[in-house]
């Protein structure tokens, strides 16, 4: 197998795994809609002891189809960017972004259930943008700013 074939195979696996991960968000929304069981209570509830679990589950839950759609594309793009250009640190950055944003919501947000993956998306955009600025990588800077502009 040539190096080009290996690179394409690796990229293909990255795309498939990213699509599978984001499809979990869609399956959860489908379950919520079809069962009539509201999952909002599994979001982050700030400064409450039972709100900690939402740090893990909150990003999977979305208030509406529009909310899910608006989070899906930028999350797909940012995960693909992370796994393609930052292979060595991708998983660590993703997990830290997930938990950091959840903890920030738990500590500082208004007392209400907070759901959705927006915080994770913004954290990943911030990482790619910051890394691009630090490394003087214009492609990372442009891609993160483009996704930020489309997402906002």
N, C-alpha and C. Protein backbone atom coordinates (compact mmCIF):
# COMPACT_ATOMS: atom_id res chain seq x y z
N UNK A 1 0.85 -1.18 0.00
CA UNK A 1 0.00 0.00 0.00
C UNK A 1 0.89 1.25 0.00
N UNK A 2 0.58 2.17 -0.88
CA UNK A 2 1.39 3.39 -0.98
C UNK A 2 1.06 4.35 0.16
N UNK A 3 1.89 5.35 0.31
CA UNK A 3 1.67 6.37 1.36
C UNK A 3 0.38 7.14 1.12
N UNK A 4 0.08 7.43 -0.17
CA UNK A 4 -1.16 8.13 -0.49
C UNK A 4 -2.38 7.29 -0.10
N UNK A 5 -2.32 6.01 -0.38
CA UNK A 5 -3.43 5.12 -0.02
C UNK A 5 -3.61 5.06 1.49
N UNK A 6 -2.50 5.02 2.22
CA UNK A 6 -2.57 5.00 3.68
C UNK A 6 -3.18 6.30 4.21
N UNK A 7 -2.79 7.42 3.62
CA UNK A 7 -3.32 8.72 4.05
C UNK A 7 -4.82 8.79 3.79
N UNK A 8 -5.27 8.34 2.61
CA UNK A 8 -6.70 8.36 2.29
C UNK A 8 -7.48 7.42 3.20
N UNK A 9 -6.91 6.26 3.48
CA UNK A 9 -7.58 5.30 4.38
C UNK A 9 -7.72 5.90 5.78
N UNK A 10 -6.67 6.56 6.23
CA UNK A 10 -6.71 7.20 7.54
C UNK A 10 -7.76 8.31 7.57
N UNK A 11 -7.80 9.12 6.52
CA UNK A 11 -8.79 10.19 6.45
C UNK A 11 -10.21 9.62 6.40
N UNK A 12 -10.40 8.57 5.63
CA UNK A 12 -11.71 7.91 5.53
C UNK A 12 -12.16 7.42 6.90
N UNK A 13 -11.27 6.79 7.65
CA UNK A 13 -11.61 6.32 9.00
C UNK A 13 -11.96 7.49 9.91
N UNK A 14 -11.24 8.60 9.76
CA UNK A 14 -11.52 9.79 10.56
C UNK A 14 -12.91 10.33 10.25
N UNK A 15 -13.26 10.41 8.98
CA UNK A 15 -14.58 10.91 8.58
C UNK A 15 -15.68 9.99 9.11
N UNK A 16 -15.51 8.69 8.94
CA UNK A 16 -16.53 7.73 9.39
C UNK A 16 -16.70 7.80 10.90
N UNK A 17 -15.59 7.82 11.66
CA UNK A 17 -15.72 7.86 13.12
C UNK A 17 -16.35 9.17 13.59
N UNK A 18 -16.04 10.27 12.92
CA UNK A 18 -16.65 11.56 13.27
C UNK A 18 -18.14 11.55 12.98
N UNK A 19 -18.52 11.03 11.82
CA UNK A 19 -19.94 10.94 11.47
C UNK A 19 -20.69 10.04 12.46
N UNK A 20 -20.08 8.94 12.84
CA UNK A 20 -20.71 8.04 13.82
C UNK A 20 -20.90 8.74 15.17
N UNK A 21 -19.89 9.49 15.59
CA UNK A 21 -19.99 10.19 16.86
C UNK A 21 -21.12 11.21 16.83
N UNK A 22 -21.18 12.03 15.80
CA UNK A 22 -22.21 13.05 15.71
C UNK A 22 -23.59 12.42 15.50
N UNK A 23 -23.64 11.26 14.87
CA UNK A 23 -24.93 10.60 14.70
C UNK A 23 -25.53 10.18 16.04
N UNK A 24 -24.72 10.00 17.06
CA UNK A 24 -25.24 9.70 18.40
C UNK A 24 -26.14 10.84 18.87
N UNK A 25 -25.76 12.08 18.60
CA UNK A 25 -26.56 13.24 18.95
C UNK A 25 -27.94 13.15 18.28
N UNK A 26 -27.95 12.74 17.01
CA UNK A 26 -29.19 12.63 16.25
C UNK A 26 -30.06 11.50 16.79
N UNK A 27 -29.45 10.37 17.12
CA UNK A 27 -30.22 9.26 17.67
C UNK A 27 -30.83 9.62 19.02
N UNK A 28 -30.11 10.37 19.81
CA UNK A 28 -30.66 10.82 21.09
C UNK A 28 -31.85 11.74 20.86
N UNK A 29 -31.75 12.65 19.91
CA UNK A 29 -32.88 13.54 19.61
C UNK A 29 -34.07 12.74 19.06
N UNK A 30 -33.79 11.78 18.20
CA UNK A 30 -34.86 10.92 17.68
C UNK A 30 -35.55 10.18 18.82
N UNK A 31 -34.78 9.65 19.75
CA UNK A 31 -35.35 8.96 20.90
C UNK A 31 -36.24 9.91 21.70
N UNK A 32 -35.72 11.11 21.96
CA UNK A 32 -36.47 12.08 22.75
C UNK A 32 -37.81 12.42 22.07
N UNK A 33 -37.78 12.65 20.78
CA UNK A 33 -38.99 13.03 20.05
C UNK A 33 -39.96 11.84 19.96
N UNK A 34 -39.45 10.66 19.65
CA UNK A 34 -40.34 9.51 19.47
C UNK A 34 -40.92 9.00 20.79
N UNK A 35 -40.16 9.12 21.87
CA UNK A 35 -40.65 8.63 23.17
C UNK A 35 -41.47 9.67 23.92
N UNK A 36 -41.29 10.93 23.58
CA UNK A 36 -41.96 12.00 24.31
C UNK A 36 -41.32 12.28 25.65
N UNK A 37 -40.21 11.64 25.93
CA UNK A 37 -39.49 11.80 27.20
C UNK A 37 -38.49 12.94 27.07
N UNK A 38 -38.71 14.04 27.76
CA UNK A 38 -37.82 15.21 27.68
C UNK A 38 -36.52 14.91 28.41
N UNK A 39 -35.41 15.13 27.74
CA UNK A 39 -34.09 14.84 28.31
C UNK A 39 -33.41 16.07 28.90
N UNK A 40 -34.07 17.21 28.86
CA UNK A 40 -33.48 18.46 29.32
C UNK A 40 -32.90 18.34 30.72
N UNK A 41 -33.54 17.58 31.57
CA UNK A 41 -33.06 17.45 32.96
C UNK A 41 -31.70 16.77 33.06
N UNK A 42 -31.21 16.23 31.95
CA UNK A 42 -29.87 15.64 31.95
C UNK A 42 -28.82 16.65 31.47
N UNK A 43 -29.21 17.89 31.36
CA UNK A 43 -28.26 18.95 31.04
C UNK A 43 -27.52 19.38 32.29
N UNK A 44 -26.68 20.38 32.13
CA UNK A 44 -25.92 20.93 33.27
C UNK A 44 -26.83 21.87 34.06
N UNK A 45 -26.96 21.62 35.34
CA UNK A 45 -27.68 22.56 36.20
C UNK A 45 -26.65 23.18 37.14
N UNK A 46 -26.37 24.48 37.00
CA UNK A 46 -25.27 25.13 37.73
C UNK A 46 -25.40 25.05 39.25
N UNK A 47 -24.26 24.81 39.85
CA UNK A 47 -24.06 24.85 41.30
C UNK A 47 -24.99 23.93 42.09
N UNK A 48 -25.51 22.91 41.46
CA UNK A 48 -26.32 21.91 42.15
C UNK A 48 -25.58 20.58 42.11
N UNK A 49 -25.60 19.85 43.20
CA UNK A 49 -24.85 18.59 43.25
C UNK A 49 -25.35 17.60 42.20
N UNK A 50 -26.63 17.61 41.90
CA UNK A 50 -27.11 16.69 40.87
C UNK A 50 -26.93 17.26 39.46
N UNK A 51 -26.35 18.42 39.33
CA UNK A 51 -26.08 19.01 38.02
C UNK A 51 -24.76 18.59 37.42
N UNK A 52 -23.92 17.91 38.20
CA UNK A 52 -22.61 17.48 37.71
C UNK A 52 -22.70 16.53 36.53
N UNK A 53 -23.68 15.61 36.59
CA UNK A 53 -23.82 14.62 35.51
C UNK A 53 -24.04 15.26 34.16
N UNK A 54 -24.66 16.43 34.16
CA UNK A 54 -24.92 17.13 32.91
C UNK A 54 -23.66 17.56 32.19
N UNK A 55 -22.55 17.64 32.92
CA UNK A 55 -21.28 17.99 32.26
C UNK A 55 -20.96 16.95 31.19
N UNK A 56 -21.28 15.70 31.46
CA UNK A 56 -21.04 14.63 30.49
C UNK A 56 -22.18 14.51 29.50
N UNK A 57 -23.42 14.56 29.98
CA UNK A 57 -24.57 14.29 29.12
C UNK A 57 -25.13 15.51 28.39
N UNK A 58 -24.95 16.70 28.94
CA UNK A 58 -25.54 17.91 28.38
C UNK A 58 -25.25 18.17 26.92
N UNK A 59 -23.99 18.02 26.46
CA UNK A 59 -23.72 18.29 25.05
C UNK A 59 -24.44 17.36 24.06
N UNK A 60 -24.88 16.19 24.53
CA UNK A 60 -25.60 15.26 23.66
C UNK A 60 -27.06 15.65 23.45
N UNK A 61 -27.58 16.51 24.31
CA UNK A 61 -29.01 16.83 24.31
C UNK A 61 -29.22 18.20 23.67
N UNK A 62 -30.24 18.28 22.83
CA UNK A 62 -30.54 19.54 22.14
C UNK A 62 -32.01 19.86 22.27
N UNK A 63 -32.31 21.15 22.38
CA UNK A 63 -33.67 21.59 22.63
C UNK A 63 -34.60 21.45 21.45
N UNK A 64 -34.07 21.49 20.24
CA UNK A 64 -34.91 21.41 19.05
C UNK A 64 -34.06 20.87 17.90
N UNK A 65 -34.75 20.56 16.80
CA UNK A 65 -34.02 20.12 15.62
C UNK A 65 -33.11 21.22 15.10
N UNK A 66 -33.58 22.46 15.13
CA UNK A 66 -32.75 23.59 14.69
C UNK A 66 -31.48 23.69 15.54
N UNK A 67 -31.63 23.52 16.84
CA UNK A 67 -30.49 23.56 17.74
C UNK A 67 -29.49 22.46 17.39
N UNK A 68 -30.00 21.25 17.15
CA UNK A 68 -29.14 20.12 16.79
C UNK A 68 -28.45 20.36 15.45
N UNK A 69 -29.19 20.84 14.48
CA UNK A 69 -28.62 21.10 13.16
C UNK A 69 -27.53 22.16 13.25
N UNK A 70 -27.80 23.23 14.01
CA UNK A 70 -26.81 24.31 14.10
C UNK A 70 -25.55 23.88 14.83
N UNK A 71 -25.62 22.86 15.67
CA UNK A 71 -24.43 22.35 16.36
C UNK A 71 -23.71 21.27 15.56
N UNK A 72 -24.44 20.52 14.74
CA UNK A 72 -23.86 19.35 14.08
C UNK A 72 -22.77 19.69 13.07
N UNK A 73 -23.05 20.61 12.15
CA UNK A 73 -22.07 20.92 11.11
C UNK A 73 -20.76 21.46 11.70
N UNK A 74 -20.80 22.48 12.57
CA UNK A 74 -19.53 22.97 13.10
C UNK A 74 -18.82 21.92 13.97
N UNK A 75 -19.58 21.09 14.68
CA UNK A 75 -18.94 20.04 15.48
C UNK A 75 -18.25 19.03 14.57
N UNK A 76 -18.93 18.64 13.50
CA UNK A 76 -18.30 17.74 12.52
C UNK A 76 -17.00 18.34 11.97
N UNK A 77 -17.08 19.58 11.54
CA UNK A 77 -15.91 20.23 10.95
C UNK A 77 -14.76 20.36 11.95
N UNK A 78 -15.08 20.75 13.18
CA UNK A 78 -14.02 20.95 14.17
C UNK A 78 -13.39 19.63 14.59
N UNK A 79 -14.18 18.58 14.73
CA UNK A 79 -13.61 17.27 15.07
C UNK A 79 -12.74 16.77 13.93
N UNK A 80 -13.21 16.94 12.69
CA UNK A 80 -12.39 16.53 11.54
C UNK A 80 -11.08 17.31 11.50
N UNK A 81 -11.14 18.62 11.72
CA UNK A 81 -9.92 19.43 11.75
C UNK A 81 -8.97 18.94 12.84
N UNK A 82 -9.53 18.71 14.00
CA UNK A 82 -8.73 18.28 15.14
C UNK A 82 -8.06 16.93 14.86
N UNK A 83 -8.84 15.97 14.37
CA UNK A 83 -8.28 14.63 14.12
C UNK A 83 -7.34 14.60 12.92
N UNK A 84 -7.53 15.53 11.99
CA UNK A 84 -6.67 15.55 10.80
C UNK A 84 -5.35 16.27 11.02
N UNK A 85 -5.40 17.40 11.74
CA UNK A 85 -4.21 18.23 11.86
C UNK A 85 -3.53 18.18 13.23
N UNK A 86 -4.22 17.64 14.22
CA UNK A 86 -3.67 17.61 15.58
C UNK A 86 -3.80 16.19 16.16
N UNK A 87 -3.38 15.19 15.39
CA UNK A 87 -3.58 13.78 15.74
C UNK A 87 -3.09 13.43 17.14
N UNK A 88 -1.92 13.92 17.49
CA UNK A 88 -1.32 13.52 18.78
C UNK A 88 -2.10 14.03 19.97
N UNK A 89 -2.74 15.18 19.84
CA UNK A 89 -3.43 15.78 20.98
C UNK A 89 -4.94 15.84 20.82
N UNK A 90 -5.45 15.31 19.72
CA UNK A 90 -6.87 15.47 19.38
C UNK A 90 -7.81 14.97 20.48
N UNK A 91 -7.60 13.78 20.95
CA UNK A 91 -8.51 13.21 21.95
C UNK A 91 -8.42 13.99 23.26
N UNK A 92 -7.22 14.33 23.67
CA UNK A 92 -7.04 15.08 24.91
C UNK A 92 -7.70 16.45 24.80
N UNK A 93 -7.49 17.14 23.70
CA UNK A 93 -8.09 18.46 23.50
C UNK A 93 -9.60 18.35 23.49
N UNK A 94 -10.14 17.34 22.81
CA UNK A 94 -11.59 17.19 22.75
C UNK A 94 -12.17 16.93 24.14
N UNK A 95 -11.59 15.99 24.87
CA UNK A 95 -12.09 15.67 26.21
C UNK A 95 -11.96 16.87 27.15
N UNK A 96 -10.83 17.54 27.12
CA UNK A 96 -10.65 18.73 27.97
C UNK A 96 -11.65 19.83 27.59
N UNK A 97 -11.90 20.01 26.31
CA UNK A 97 -12.87 21.02 25.86
C UNK A 97 -14.26 20.67 26.38
N UNK A 98 -14.61 19.41 26.29
CA UNK A 98 -15.92 18.94 26.76
C UNK A 98 -16.09 19.22 28.25
N UNK A 99 -15.10 18.79 29.05
CA UNK A 99 -15.20 18.96 30.50
C UNK A 99 -15.02 20.42 30.94
N UNK A 100 -14.09 21.13 30.32
CA UNK A 100 -13.85 22.52 30.69
C UNK A 100 -15.10 23.36 30.50
N UNK A 101 -15.75 23.23 29.32
CA UNK A 101 -16.94 24.03 29.08
C UNK A 101 -18.07 23.61 30.02
N UNK A 102 -18.17 22.33 30.30
CA UNK A 102 -19.20 21.87 31.24
C UNK A 102 -18.98 22.43 32.63
N UNK A 103 -17.72 22.41 33.09
CA UNK A 103 -17.42 22.97 34.42
C UNK A 103 -17.66 24.48 34.46
N UNK A 104 -17.32 25.17 33.40
CA UNK A 104 -17.56 26.62 33.36
C UNK A 104 -19.06 26.92 33.43
N UNK A 105 -19.85 26.15 32.72
CA UNK A 105 -21.30 26.33 32.80
C UNK A 105 -21.77 26.03 34.22
N UNK A 106 -21.28 24.94 34.80
CA UNK A 106 -21.71 24.56 36.15
C UNK A 106 -21.36 25.65 37.18
N UNK A 107 -20.20 26.25 37.02
CA UNK A 107 -19.77 27.28 37.98
C UNK A 107 -20.42 28.64 37.75
N UNK A 108 -20.60 29.06 36.50
CA UNK A 108 -20.93 30.45 36.22
C UNK A 108 -22.29 30.72 35.59
N UNK A 109 -22.96 29.74 35.05
CA UNK A 109 -24.21 30.00 34.31
C UNK A 109 -25.38 30.29 35.23
N UNK A 110 -26.42 30.82 34.65
CA UNK A 110 -27.63 31.11 35.42
C UNK A 110 -28.29 29.79 35.82
N UNK A 111 -29.08 29.78 36.88
CA UNK A 111 -29.71 28.54 37.34
C UNK A 111 -30.84 28.07 36.41
N UNK A 112 -30.48 27.23 35.49
CA UNK A 112 -31.39 26.65 34.52
C UNK A 112 -30.65 25.48 33.89
N UNK A 113 -31.36 24.55 33.29
CA UNK A 113 -30.68 23.44 32.62
C UNK A 113 -30.05 23.95 31.32
N UNK A 114 -28.80 23.59 31.11
CA UNK A 114 -28.05 24.00 29.92
C UNK A 114 -27.73 22.76 29.11
N UNK A 115 -28.12 22.80 27.83
CA UNK A 115 -27.93 21.65 26.96
C UNK A 115 -27.29 22.10 25.65
N UNK A 116 -26.76 21.14 24.90
CA UNK A 116 -26.19 21.41 23.59
C UNK A 116 -24.67 21.41 23.60
N UNK A 117 -24.12 21.33 22.41
CA UNK A 117 -22.68 21.21 22.23
C UNK A 117 -22.00 22.52 21.84
N UNK A 118 -22.69 23.64 21.99
CA UNK A 118 -22.13 24.92 21.57
C UNK A 118 -20.82 25.23 22.28
N UNK A 119 -20.77 25.00 23.58
CA UNK A 119 -19.55 25.27 24.33
C UNK A 119 -18.37 24.46 23.82
N UNK A 120 -18.63 23.20 23.50
CA UNK A 120 -17.57 22.34 22.96
C UNK A 120 -17.09 22.87 21.62
N UNK A 121 -18.03 23.27 20.77
CA UNK A 121 -17.67 23.81 19.45
C UNK A 121 -16.81 25.05 19.61
N UNK A 122 -17.23 25.99 20.47
CA UNK A 122 -16.44 27.21 20.65
C UNK A 122 -15.07 26.91 21.25
N UNK A 123 -14.99 25.94 22.15
CA UNK A 123 -13.69 25.58 22.73
C UNK A 123 -12.76 25.01 21.66
N UNK A 124 -13.30 24.18 20.78
CA UNK A 124 -12.48 23.60 19.71
C UNK A 124 -12.05 24.67 18.71
N UNK A 125 -12.96 25.59 18.39
CA UNK A 125 -12.59 26.71 17.51
C UNK A 125 -11.47 27.51 18.17
N UNK A 126 -11.61 27.78 19.46
CA UNK A 126 -10.58 28.53 20.19
C UNK A 126 -9.24 27.82 20.17
N UNK A 127 -9.25 26.50 20.33
CA UNK A 127 -8.00 25.75 20.30
C UNK A 127 -7.34 25.84 18.93
N UNK A 128 -8.11 25.58 17.87
CA UNK A 128 -7.54 25.60 16.52
C UNK A 128 -7.05 27.00 16.16
N UNK A 129 -7.84 28.01 16.51
CA UNK A 129 -7.42 29.39 16.24
C UNK A 129 -6.17 29.75 17.04
N UNK A 130 -6.18 29.45 18.32
CA UNK A 130 -5.01 29.75 19.17
C UNK A 130 -3.77 29.01 18.73
N UNK A 131 -3.95 27.74 18.39
CA UNK A 131 -2.83 26.94 17.91
C UNK A 131 -2.31 27.49 16.59
N UNK A 132 -3.23 27.89 15.71
CA UNK A 132 -2.82 28.46 14.43
C UNK A 132 -2.05 29.75 14.61
N UNK A 133 -2.51 30.60 15.54
CA UNK A 133 -1.78 31.84 15.81
C UNK A 133 -0.40 31.56 16.39
N UNK A 134 -0.36 30.63 17.35
CA UNK A 134 0.91 30.29 17.99
C UNK A 134 1.90 29.69 17.01
N UNK A 135 1.43 28.81 16.15
CA UNK A 135 2.29 28.14 15.17
C UNK A 135 2.45 28.92 13.88
N UNK A 136 1.72 30.03 13.79
CA UNK A 136 1.70 30.85 12.57
C UNK A 136 1.26 30.02 11.37
N UNK A 137 0.22 29.22 11.60
CA UNK A 137 -0.33 28.37 10.56
C UNK A 137 -1.58 29.04 10.01
N UNK A 138 -1.45 29.65 8.85
CA UNK A 138 -2.55 30.44 8.29
C UNK A 138 -3.75 29.56 7.92
N UNK A 139 -3.53 28.29 7.56
CA UNK A 139 -4.65 27.41 7.23
C UNK A 139 -5.53 27.17 8.45
N UNK A 140 -4.93 26.89 9.60
CA UNK A 140 -5.71 26.69 10.83
C UNK A 140 -6.46 27.96 11.21
N UNK A 141 -5.81 29.09 11.08
CA UNK A 141 -6.45 30.36 11.41
C UNK A 141 -7.64 30.60 10.50
N UNK A 142 -7.45 30.43 9.20
CA UNK A 142 -8.53 30.68 8.24
C UNK A 142 -9.69 29.71 8.44
N UNK A 143 -9.39 28.43 8.62
CA UNK A 143 -10.46 27.46 8.79
C UNK A 143 -11.26 27.70 10.06
N UNK A 144 -10.58 28.00 11.16
CA UNK A 144 -11.30 28.24 12.41
C UNK A 144 -12.14 29.51 12.32
N UNK A 145 -11.61 30.55 11.69
CA UNK A 145 -12.39 31.78 11.52
C UNK A 145 -13.59 31.58 10.58
N UNK A 146 -13.40 30.77 9.55
CA UNK A 146 -14.49 30.46 8.63
C UNK A 146 -15.61 29.70 9.36
N UNK A 147 -15.24 28.71 10.12
CA UNK A 147 -16.24 27.94 10.87
C UNK A 147 -16.91 28.81 11.91
N UNK A 148 -16.13 29.67 12.56
CA UNK A 148 -16.71 30.59 13.54
C UNK A 148 -17.73 31.53 12.87
N UNK A 149 -17.38 32.05 11.71
CA UNK A 149 -18.28 32.96 10.99
C UNK A 149 -19.56 32.24 10.56
N UNK A 150 -19.43 31.04 10.04
CA UNK A 150 -20.60 30.27 9.60
C UNK A 150 -21.44 29.88 10.81
N UNK A 151 -20.79 29.50 11.90
CA UNK A 151 -21.49 29.04 13.10
C UNK A 151 -22.21 30.19 13.80
N UNK A 152 -21.58 31.34 13.80
CA UNK A 152 -22.18 32.49 14.49
C UNK A 152 -23.32 33.03 13.68
